[in-house]
Amino acid sequence: MQQQQKFIQKFVKKISAIKLNRRTVVILISVLPILALFFFVMFRSGPLAPVSVTVAVVESKSIQPAVFGVGTVEASQLFKIGPNQPGRVKRVLVDVGERVRKGQLLAVMERPDLDILTPNDPEQDYVKSALKQAEQDAEERLKRAKATLDNLQNKTDANEEDIATAKSELQEAQREIKRLRSGGNNVLQVSANQKLTAPISGIVVARNAEPGTAVQLGQSVIDIVDPQSVRIGARFDQTGSAGLMQGLKAKISLRSQNESIAGRVLRIEPLADAVTEEIMAKVVFDKQPQPLPSLGEMAEIRISLSPLPEAPTILNASLVRHEGSLGVWRLDTNNRIAFVPVKVGATDLDGWVEVREGLNVGDRIVVHSHAPLSEKSRLRIVKAIKGT
């Protein structure tokens, strides 16, 4: 500011020493405001203007390092249920989203090729054996259905929906027994059916075939997942993942939900991804979310590590690269700046960085600047810069 005043004073003295005519005076009076505006812009908002910066003080605080990762919802127990021989789907008794019980009938298969067998066909032995097994299975299912219904009816707090389901299961078992016994003379018709039952209690997540669809050996008709086995397959950057271990608490943010869900690290996978340089881990929910998230849904994982001892800390935004070195711009008592290389340590998810070398607690540093800085930059300290 003093330099500007001296320049203006010298300019006025030189103008005063010149003998001016009327025309020259008029021109000067017209030009001087423009020159004044030009110099004002140059020194206030032009290349000679001071750079607006925000300033912070180096603090002493304890940082709790954290790691951030992404993953997808998966299940460790996913059962793909299909026939043990080629056939055609006759009936599908469940739909996607339904909860099923262990042993519940899901679908019925048929073998149309058995309809052309003759009494002397070698397949007759298989057919008779299949018929006998089908009758035994139906009788066992009928016993289980009766026992389940009796148990529910004897409970005072039994759910009406569970009782209705048990009655429906009993009626289905009775109809199956009746059908098998009434068709006993038609071995081919009865034994051509193969029943697909639920190996666990779970949720139907896929219905891969409809009645009339031909299904090959090993092809899935119904997919069932155990809801208790739903978890997150997560990936974390190898940089900064030191201290990541089994049992640490995690916050899981599903794309379909606004609030984070508490969880924990189940295990760290022994194999890392050498291409993406990521560590893989399995993260489980402390309490299963309701409704159950869709398999394949994206999730964000935040895991807090053990807190570190107190040390000088700064905001990550204050770190800059200058002439190939990582550091900060430090202010002296006269608000002049100098670049100081620093060595940083751990960081947390709030943007705080541990400083191991280069700064002391109480030092003033630049956090944000309106333009790139140099040691010759003039500063204007502000509380905030728009857009930062």
Protein backbone atom coordinates (compact mmCIF):
# COMPACT_ATOMS: atom_id res chain seq x y z
CA MET A 1 0.00 0.00 0.00
CA GLN A 2 2.87 2.39 0.79
CA GLN A 3 4.43 1.59 -2.60
CA GLN A 4 1.18 2.57 -4.30
CA GLN A 5 1.02 5.90 -2.45
CA LYS A 6 4.66 6.77 -3.31
CA PHE A 7 4.03 5.96 -6.97
CA ILE A 8 0.97 8.24 -7.08
CA GLN A 9 2.83 11.10 -5.33
CA LYS A 10 5.73 10.93 -7.80
CA PHE A 11 3.27 10.84 -10.69
CA VAL A 12 1.44 13.95 -9.39
CA LYS A 13 4.74 15.88 -8.95
CA LYS A 14 5.81 15.14 -12.51
CA ILE A 15 2.41 16.21 -13.83
CA SER A 16 2.60 19.43 -11.77
CA ALA A 17 6.00 20.35 -13.24
CA ILE A 18 4.68 20.20 -16.78
CA LYS A 19 3.18 23.35 -18.31
CA LEU A 20 -0.19 22.29 -19.59
CA ASN A 21 -2.55 23.90 -22.04
CA ARG A 22 -6.29 23.67 -21.78
CA ARG A 23 -6.61 20.75 -24.18
CA THR A 24 -4.00 18.72 -22.33
CA VAL A 25 -5.73 19.36 -19.02
CA VAL A 26 -9.03 18.10 -20.42
CA ILE A 27 -7.34 14.94 -21.72
CA LEU A 28 -5.62 14.31 -18.40
CA ILE A 29 -8.84 14.82 -16.47
CA SER A 30 -10.47 12.20 -18.72
CA VAL A 31 -7.60 9.71 -18.54
CA LEU A 32 -6.75 9.92 -14.82
CA PRO A 33 -9.93 8.14 -13.59
CA ILE A 34 -9.28 5.34 -16.07
CA LEU A 35 -5.69 5.02 -14.89
CA ALA A 36 -6.84 5.06 -11.28
CA LEU A 37 -9.36 2.32 -11.99
CA PHE A 38 -6.71 0.32 -13.84
CA PHE A 39 -4.25 0.44 -10.93
CA PHE A 40 -7.04 -0.32 -8.45
CA VAL A 41 -7.97 -3.47 -10.36
CA MET A 42 -4.32 -4.47 -10.73
CA PHE A 43 -3.66 -4.26 -7.01
CA ARG A 44 -7.03 -5.51 -5.74
CA SER A 45 -8.14 -8.33 -8.05
CA GLY A 46 -5.53 -8.53 -10.79
CA PRO A 47 -2.17 -10.33 -10.93
CA LEU A 48 -0.68 -7.96 -8.33
CA ALA A 49 -3.55 -8.45 -5.87
CA PRO A 50 -2.97 -10.37 -2.63
CA VAL A 51 -4.04 -14.04 -2.60
CA SER A 52 -6.94 -14.93 -0.32
CA VAL A 53 -6.05 -17.75 2.07
CA THR A 54 -7.51 -19.51 5.07
CA VAL A 55 -5.17 -20.22 7.97
CA ALA A 56 -5.13 -22.90 10.69
CA VAL A 57 -2.92 -23.67 13.66
CA VAL A 58 -1.08 -26.98 14.02
CA GLU A 59 -2.84 -28.88 16.81
CA SER A 60 -1.78 -31.65 19.14
CA LYS A 61 -4.36 -34.42 19.07
CA SER A 62 -4.75 -38.17 18.95
CA ILE A 63 -5.67 -39.56 15.55
CA GLN A 64 -7.78 -42.67 15.19
CA PRO A 65 -6.71 -44.11 11.82
CA ALA A 66 -9.46 -45.55 9.67
CA VAL A 67 -9.70 -47.44 6.43
CA PHE A 68 -12.38 -47.14 3.77
CA GLY A 69 -13.44 -49.87 1.40
CA VAL A 70 -16.19 -50.93 -0.96
CA GLY A 71 -17.82 -54.30 -1.42
CA THR A 72 -20.90 -56.21 -2.46
CA VAL A 73 -23.53 -58.12 -0.53
CA GLU A 74 -23.04 -61.87 -0.82
CA ALA A 75 -24.02 -65.08 0.99
CA SER A 76 -21.76 -67.88 2.16
CA GLN A 77 -24.61 -70.40 1.94
CA LEU A 78 -26.32 -70.20 -1.43
CA PHE A 79 -27.96 -73.44 -2.56
CA LYS A 80 -28.74 -74.09 -6.22
CA ILE A 81 -31.36 -76.85 -6.26
CA GLY A 82 -31.87 -78.91 -9.40
CA PRO A 83 -32.56 -82.49 -10.54
CA ASN A 84 -30.01 -85.30 -10.41
CA GLN A 85 -31.07 -86.38 -13.91
CA PRO A 86 -32.40 -84.61 -17.02
CA GLY A 87 -36.11 -83.91 -17.02
CA ARG A 88 -38.88 -81.38 -17.41
CA VAL A 89 -40.29 -79.09 -14.76
CA LYS A 90 -43.80 -80.17 -13.89
CA ARG A 91 -44.63 -77.81 -11.01
CA VAL A 92 -42.90 -74.98 -9.13
CA LEU A 93 -44.48 -74.41 -5.73
CA VAL A 94 -42.53 -71.38 -4.45
CA ASP A 95 -41.70 -67.94 -5.75
CA VAL A 96 -38.86 -65.44 -5.29
CA GLY A 97 -38.83 -63.81 -1.86
CA GLU A 98 -40.71 -66.58 -0.05
CA ARG A 99 -39.31 -68.07 3.14
CA VAL A 100 -39.12 -71.86 3.07
CA ARG A 101 -38.47 -74.48 5.73
CA LYS A 102 -36.00 -77.29 5.59
CA GLY A 103 -37.56 -80.26 3.78
CA GLN A 104 -40.33 -78.18 2.18
CA LEU A 105 -41.32 -79.25 -1.35
CA LEU A 106 -40.14 -76.65 -3.86
CA ALA A 107 -40.73 -78.18 -7.30
CA VAL A 108 -41.64 -81.40 -9.03
CA MET A 109 -39.80 -82.78 -12.06
CA GLU A 110 -41.02 -85.35 -14.60
CA ARG A 111 -39.32 -87.59 -17.16
CA PRO A 112 -41.41 -87.79 -20.32
CA ASP A 113 -39.01 -90.35 -21.76
CA LEU A 114 -40.29 -92.91 -19.23
CA ASP A 115 -43.75 -92.81 -20.80
CA ILE A 116 -42.56 -94.95 -23.72
CA LEU A 117 -41.10 -97.76 -21.62
CA THR A 118 -42.31 -101.29 -22.22
CA PRO A 119 -42.72 -103.91 -19.45
CA ASN A 120 -39.44 -105.55 -20.50
CA ASP A 121 -37.45 -102.29 -20.57
CA PRO A 122 -34.42 -102.29 -18.21
CA GLU A 123 -35.57 -98.88 -16.92
CA GLN A 124 -38.44 -100.67 -15.18
CA ASP A 125 -36.18 -101.55 -12.26
CA TYR A 126 -35.29 -97.93 -11.83
CA VAL A 127 -38.95 -96.93 -12.08
CA LYS A 128 -40.06 -99.40 -9.42
CA SER A 129 -37.28 -98.33 -7.10
CA ALA A 130 -38.17 -94.68 -7.63
CA LEU A 131 -41.84 -95.40 -6.89
CA LYS A 132 -40.97 -97.11 -3.62
CA GLN A 133 -38.71 -94.27 -2.59
CA ALA A 134 -41.38 -91.71 -3.50
CA GLU A 135 -43.93 -93.46 -1.26
CA GLN A 136 -41.48 -93.54 1.64
CA ASP A 137 -40.66 -89.87 1.20
CA ALA A 138 -44.34 -88.96 1.06
CA GLU A 139 -45.09 -90.89 4.26
CA GLU A 140 -42.18 -89.23 6.03
CA ARG A 141 -43.34 -85.84 4.88
CA LEU A 142 -46.87 -86.57 6.13
CA LYS A 143 -45.53 -87.50 9.57
CA ARG A 144 -43.48 -84.31 9.78
CA ALA A 145 -46.43 -82.20 8.71
CA LYS A 146 -48.70 -83.76 11.37
CA ALA A 147 -46.06 -83.31 14.08
CA THR A 148 -45.48 -79.67 13.13
CA LEU A 149 -49.21 -78.88 13.15
CA ASP A 150 -49.78 -80.62 16.50
CA ASN A 151 -46.84 -78.75 18.03
CA LEU A 152 -48.15 -75.38 16.84
CA GLN A 153 -51.72 -76.05 17.99
CA ASN A 154 -50.46 -76.93 21.46
CA LYS A 155 -48.67 -73.60 21.80
CA THR A 156 -50.64 -70.71 23.29
CA ASP A 157 -48.53 -68.07 21.51
CA ALA A 158 -48.44 -69.77 18.09
CA ASN A 159 -48.61 -67.53 15.05
CA GLU A 160 -51.80 -67.95 12.99
CA GLU A 161 -49.81 -67.64 9.81
CA ASP A 162 -47.52 -70.50 10.86
CA ILE A 163 -50.54 -72.67 11.71
CA ALA A 164 -52.12 -71.96 8.32
CA THR A 165 -48.84 -72.83 6.58
CA ALA A 166 -48.59 -76.08 8.54
CA LYS A 167 -52.15 -77.04 7.60
CA SER A 168 -51.42 -76.33 3.96
CA GLU A 169 -48.31 -78.51 4.16
CA LEU A 170 -50.31 -81.33 5.75
CA GLN A 171 -52.98 -81.16 3.05
CA GLU A 172 -50.35 -81.23 0.33
CA ALA A 173 -48.72 -84.29 1.92
CA GLN A 174 -52.08 -86.05 2.16
CA ARG A 175 -52.82 -85.34 -1.50
CA GLU A 176 -49.39 -86.67 -2.48
CA ILE A 177 -49.95 -89.92 -0.52
CA LYS A 178 -53.37 -90.32 -2.13
CA ARG A 179 -51.98 -89.72 -5.61
CA LEU A 180 -49.16 -92.23 -5.14
CA ARG A 181 -51.43 -94.93 -3.76
CA SER A 182 -54.16 -94.45 -6.36
CA GLY A 183 -51.61 -94.63 -9.17
CA GLY A 184 -49.85 -97.69 -7.87
CA ASN A 185 -50.76 -99.77 -10.91
CA ASN A 186 -49.41 -97.11 -13.26
CA VAL A 187 -45.78 -97.32 -12.27
CA LEU A 188 -44.50 -95.15 -15.10
CA GLN A 189 -46.78 -92.21 -14.32
CA VAL A 190 -45.91 -92.12 -10.62
CA SER A 191 -42.21 -92.81 -10.66
CA ALA A 192 -41.42 -90.37 -13.41
CA ASN A 193 -41.74 -87.54 -10.85
CA GLN A 194 -38.74 -86.28 -8.91
CA LYS A 195 -39.25 -83.91 -6.00
CA LEU A 196 -36.97 -81.00 -5.23
CA THR A 197 -36.99 -80.10 -1.53
CA ALA A 198 -35.30 -77.34 0.50
CA PRO A 199 -32.01 -78.47 2.13
CA ILE A 200 -32.19 -75.56 4.63
CA SER A 201 -34.60 -73.00 5.99
CA GLY A 202 -34.05 -69.84 4.00
CA ILE A 203 -35.27 -67.42 1.37
CA VAL A 204 -35.89 -68.13 -2.31
CA VAL A 205 -33.69 -65.71 -4.28
CA ALA A 206 -34.10 -67.07 -7.80
CA ARG A 207 -36.61 -69.13 -9.77
CA ASN A 208 -34.65 -70.28 -12.81
CA ALA A 209 -37.21 -72.49 -14.57
CA GLU A 210 -40.96 -72.55 -15.13
CA PRO A 211 -43.34 -75.51 -15.67
CA GLY A 212 -42.64 -77.15 -19.02
CA THR A 213 -38.98 -76.12 -19.12
CA ALA A 214 -36.49 -78.86 -19.96
CA VAL A 215 -33.69 -78.98 -17.37
CA GLN A 216 -30.35 -80.71 -17.74
CA LEU A 217 -28.35 -82.48 -15.05
CA GLY A 218 -26.78 -79.89 -12.74
CA GLN A 219 -28.98 -77.01 -13.90
CA SER A 220 -30.60 -75.03 -11.08
CA VAL A 221 -34.37 -74.69 -10.80
CA ILE A 222 -34.58 -72.88 -7.43
CA ASP A 223 -31.89 -70.89 -5.57
CA ILE A 224 -32.14 -70.59 -1.78
CA VAL A 225 -29.98 -68.50 0.54
CA ASP A 226 -29.55 -68.74 4.30
CA PRO A 227 -30.31 -65.19 5.57
CA GLN A 228 -27.92 -65.65 8.49
CA SER A 229 -25.04 -66.13 6.05
CA VAL A 230 -25.47 -62.77 4.28
CA ARG A 231 -22.30 -60.65 4.53
CA ILE A 232 -20.15 -58.14 2.64
CA GLY A 233 -17.20 -59.10 0.46
CA ALA A 234 -15.08 -55.95 0.91
CA ARG A 235 -11.91 -54.57 -0.68
CA PHE A 236 -9.46 -52.14 0.98
CA ASP A 237 -6.48 -50.30 -0.46
CA GLN A 238 -3.25 -51.92 0.74
CA THR A 239 -1.82 -48.47 1.51
CA GLY A 240 -2.80 -47.55 5.05
CA SER A 241 -4.37 -50.91 5.83
CA ALA A 242 -1.83 -51.80 8.54
CA GLY A 243 -3.72 -52.77 11.67
CA LEU A 244 -6.73 -54.13 9.81
CA MET A 245 -7.62 -57.35 11.61
CA GLN A 246 -10.39 -59.74 12.56
CA GLY A 247 -12.95 -58.49 15.07
CA LEU A 248 -12.66 -54.74 14.40
CA LYS A 249 -15.92 -52.79 14.39
CA ALA A 250 -17.19 -51.55 11.05
CA LYS A 251 -19.85 -49.20 9.73
CA ILE A 252 -21.66 -50.53 6.67
CA SER A 253 -23.48 -48.13 4.35
CA LEU A 254 -25.73 -49.90 1.85
CA ARG A 255 -26.69 -48.06 -1.32
CA SER A 256 -30.37 -48.73 -0.65
CA GLN A 257 -30.33 -47.33 2.91
CA ASN A 258 -29.50 -43.89 4.29
CA GLU A 259 -28.26 -44.96 7.72
CA SER A 260 -25.09 -46.93 8.40
CA ILE A 261 -25.34 -50.41 9.96
CA ALA A 262 -23.02 -51.75 12.64
CA GLY A 263 -20.85 -54.71 11.72
CA ARG A 264 -17.47 -56.30 12.31
CA VAL A 265 -14.61 -57.82 10.35
CA LEU A 266 -15.15 -61.58 10.11
CA ARG A 267 -11.75 -62.32 8.59
CA ILE A 268 -9.00 -60.99 6.36
CA GLU A 269 -8.55 -63.07 3.23
CA PRO A 270 -5.07 -64.65 2.92
CA LEU A 271 -4.88 -63.73 -0.78
CA ALA A 272 -4.67 -60.10 -1.91
CA ASP A 273 -5.40 -58.72 -5.37
CA ALA A 274 -2.02 -58.02 -6.98
CA VAL A 275 -3.57 -56.16 -9.93
CA THR A 276 -5.70 -53.63 -8.01
CA GLU A 277 -3.36 -53.65 -4.96
CA GLU A 278 -6.25 -54.31 -2.59
CA ILE A 279 -6.73 -56.44 0.51
CA MET A 280 -9.93 -58.48 0.61
CA ALA A 281 -11.97 -59.11 3.75
CA LYS A 282 -15.35 -60.44 4.85
CA VAL A 283 -17.52 -58.12 6.94
CA VAL A 284 -20.66 -59.34 8.73
CA PHE A 285 -23.62 -57.49 10.24
CA ASP A 286 -24.00 -57.35 14.03
CA LYS A 287 -27.74 -57.61 13.41
CA GLN A 288 -29.27 -58.69 10.12
CA PRO A 289 -30.90 -55.66 8.40
CA GLN A 290 -34.59 -55.82 7.60
CA PRO A 291 -35.50 -56.12 4.83
CA LEU A 292 -32.56 -58.27 3.79
CA PRO A 293 -30.37 -56.44 1.22
CA SER A 294 -30.26 -57.79 -2.31
CA LEU A 295 -27.33 -60.00 -3.20
CA GLY A 296 -24.89 -58.02 -5.30
CA GLU A 297 -25.85 -54.64 -3.80
CA MET A 298 -22.93 -52.22 -3.39
CA ALA A 299 -21.83 -51.18 0.10
CA GLU A 300 -19.28 -48.80 1.62
CA ILE A 301 -17.26 -49.96 4.63
CA ARG A 302 -15.57 -47.74 7.24
CA ILE A 303 -13.36 -49.38 9.85
CA SER A 304 -11.71 -47.49 12.72
CA LEU A 305 -8.31 -48.74 13.88
CA SER A 306 -6.63 -48.28 17.28
CA PRO A 307 -6.04 -44.60 18.33
CA LEU A 308 -2.48 -43.24 18.16
CA PRO A 309 -0.66 -41.14 20.80
CA GLU A 310 -1.05 -37.36 20.58
CA ALA A 311 1.11 -35.69 17.94
CA PRO A 312 1.09 -32.54 15.74
CA THR A 313 -1.81 -32.84 13.30
CA ILE A 314 -2.99 -30.80 10.32
CA LEU A 315 -5.83 -30.95 7.84
CA ASN A 316 -5.14 -32.94 4.71
CA ALA A 317 -6.22 -29.95 2.58
CA SER A 318 -3.17 -27.95 3.71
CA LEU A 319 -0.71 -30.40 2.09
CA VAL A 320 0.68 -29.29 -1.29
CA ARG A 321 3.46 -30.35 -3.63
CA HIS A 322 6.04 -27.69 -4.35
CA GLU A 323 9.10 -28.36 -6.52
CA GLY A 324 8.60 -32.10 -6.09
CA SER A 325 8.34 -32.06 -2.28
CA LEU A 326 5.30 -32.61 -0.09
CA GLY A 327 4.79 -29.91 2.51
CA VAL A 328 2.82 -26.88 3.68
CA TRP A 329 3.02 -23.08 3.47
CA ARG A 330 3.93 -21.75 6.94
CA LEU A 331 3.33 -18.13 8.03
CA ASP A 332 5.66 -16.08 10.21
CA THR A 333 4.65 -13.26 12.55
CA ASN A 334 4.56 -10.80 9.64
CA ASN A 335 2.30 -13.08 7.58
CA ARG A 336 5.08 -13.89 5.13
CA ILE A 337 5.02 -17.47 3.89
CA ALA A 338 7.67 -20.10 3.36
CA PHE A 339 7.35 -23.63 2.05
CA VAL A 340 8.16 -26.29 4.68
CA PRO A 341 8.61 -29.97 3.65
CA VAL A 342 6.90 -32.34 6.05
CA LYS A 343 6.80 -36.06 6.73
CA VAL A 344 3.29 -37.31 7.40
CA GLY A 345 1.97 -40.41 9.13
CA ALA A 346 -1.49 -41.82 9.74
CA THR A 347 -4.71 -40.21 8.57
CA ASP A 348 -8.35 -40.51 9.59
CA LEU A 349 -11.59 -40.25 7.63
CA ASP A 350 -12.23 -36.70 8.92
CA GLY A 351 -9.24 -35.35 7.01
CA TRP A 352 -6.70 -35.06 9.85
CA VAL A 353 -3.09 -36.07 9.15
CA GLU A 354 -0.34 -36.87 11.64
CA VAL A 355 2.86 -34.83 11.11
CA ARG A 356 6.02 -36.67 12.09
CA GLU A 357 8.60 -34.10 10.95
CA GLY A 358 8.65 -30.47 9.80
CA LEU A 359 6.10 -28.69 12.00
CA ASN A 360 5.54 -27.88 15.66
CA VAL A 361 2.34 -27.43 17.61
CA GLY A 362 1.19 -23.80 17.32
CA ASP A 363 2.63 -23.12 13.85
CA ARG A 364 0.30 -21.25 11.51
CA ILE A 365 -0.16 -22.79 8.07
CA VAL A 366 -2.22 -22.13 4.94
CA VAL A 367 -5.14 -24.51 4.51
CA HIS A 368 -6.85 -23.20 1.34
CA SER A 369 -5.73 -20.59 -1.15
CA HIS A 370 -7.57 -18.80 -3.92
CA ALA A 371 -4.59 -19.18 -6.28
CA PRO A 372 -1.24 -20.99 -6.37
CA LEU A 373 1.26 -19.58 -3.89
CA SER A 374 4.93 -18.68 -3.98
CA GLU A 375 7.26 -17.21 -1.38
CA LYS A 376 6.73 -13.75 -2.93
CA SER A 377 2.92 -13.96 -2.72
CA ARG A 378 1.09 -11.29 -0.74
CA LEU A 379 -1.68 -12.72 1.42
CA ARG A 380 -5.13 -11.66 2.51
CA ILE A 381 -6.33 -13.90 5.36
CA VAL A 382 -10.04 -14.69 5.20
CA LYS A 383 -12.33 -16.99 7.18
CA ALA A 384 -13.50 -18.99 4.18
CA ILE A 385 -12.98 -19.17 0.41
CA LYS A 386 -15.98 -19.78 -1.79
CA GLY A 387 -15.89 -23.21 -3.40
CA THR A 388 -13.59 -24.86 -0.81
